[in-house]
Amino acid sequence: MSPKAPLFKIEPRREVSRGLLYATPLLAVALTVVAGFFIFLAMGYDPFLALYHFFVSPLLTVYGWSELMVKGAPLIMIGVGLAVGFRANVWNIGAEGQLTMGAVAGGAVALAFWGEETALTLPLMCLAGIAGGMAYAAIPAFLKTRFGVNEILTSLMLTYVATLFLSTLVYGPLKDPLGFNFPQSRMFGDAALLPILAGGTRLHLGTFIALAIAVAGWVLMTFTIVGFQVRVLGQAPQAARFAGFSGPRLVWLVLLLSGGLAGLAGLFEVAGPIGQLVPQISPGYGFTAIIVAFLGRLHPLGIILSGLLMALSYIGGETAQVEVGLPQAVTGVFQGLLLFFLLASDFLVRYRLRLRGAVAVQPQAAE
């Protein structure tokens, strides 16, 4: 006896509306808020109060806006780098590890110059952070172009190696000798810290560098031959080969670019809000930036808005913990719901569910 056929079948839409594609992030955000309302209600919290402290309360003060920029900066930088790779169908999932190695490389420079106030310290730290992230991204680039190894697996698994390497350093060679045996390095000197732009806040120079990087990413992808080659490689690999575009060279380019930006983001964290090397550099910015890239439609300027929105989820989650007593996991729940609704909306824009046996209706000509 043959198994019963499914009631519905999935068909690709003949024409995908670009307007709907750009509207799905807004729909995903709205559905996430609605789902959060019912989740808070089921948990026994006042949903209106919880949503207020999650999305509104952090934006009522200057300090809240400064924190939004501080937490949004690494998400924007990493998201721009990942988006360029994703446009070429190169899937770097290990930005968290590249962020960690960039922080380690830049932090090592800061500790090497510890006790010396020189204007070269911070620029050298930035270069080391970029180099550290690029070197770590070069591993999956080499394995993919030389042996055809899937970059998703290699970049992801290398993240855990980077985290353990950082822990080894702060528990060992780089541990502060006067730190009462805590797993942390010395506090960086003033010359190794990013300048603070607003008194009474943590707003630092790196936040504006992140915005500049997003604009530069837009220029790269829109007005340069390299951006054109990346887009062609992602949309039509056969056409890219016929045009003479080097696939391996572009793979190296996008992985080194995303790794370098992730490494710089890690350096900005240790030279900014943290001020030293500790076992955990970020709360998962490298993974959250994947959501940021897709929520921004892989467009560098859209990533600015989506990065700030995801930064709000971090700040709002912390505020809701204090004011309402919500658990710490609520931030991850909101980010997961946002990704789920975004993927579901994109799926329904590109595909339709049809009853088996139903007659297909021919689409009308585009106006």
Foldseek 3Di string as FASTA:
>chain_A
DDDDDDQKDKDFDPDFDPVLLLCLLVVLLVVLLVVQLVVCVVVPFNSVVLVCLLFPVLPPDPQSVLLLLLQLLLLLLLLLLQLLCVLLVQHQLQLLLLLLQLQVQLQVLLVVCAPPQDLVNQVVSLVRLLVRLLVLLVVLLCCCVPPNDRNHVSSNVSSVVSLVVLQCCQQPVQPDPPPPSASWHDQGDPSNAFDADDPPHLRGPSSVVSVVVLVVSQCCLPPDVLNVLSNCSNPPVVVSVVVPNDPSVNSSVSSSSSSSSSSSSSSNQCRTPNRTRHSRRDPCSSNLSVVLCVSLVSRSVSSSVSSSVLSSLQSSLVSSCVPGVDDSCVSVVSSVSSSVSSVVSVSVSGMPMDGPPDDDDDDDDDD
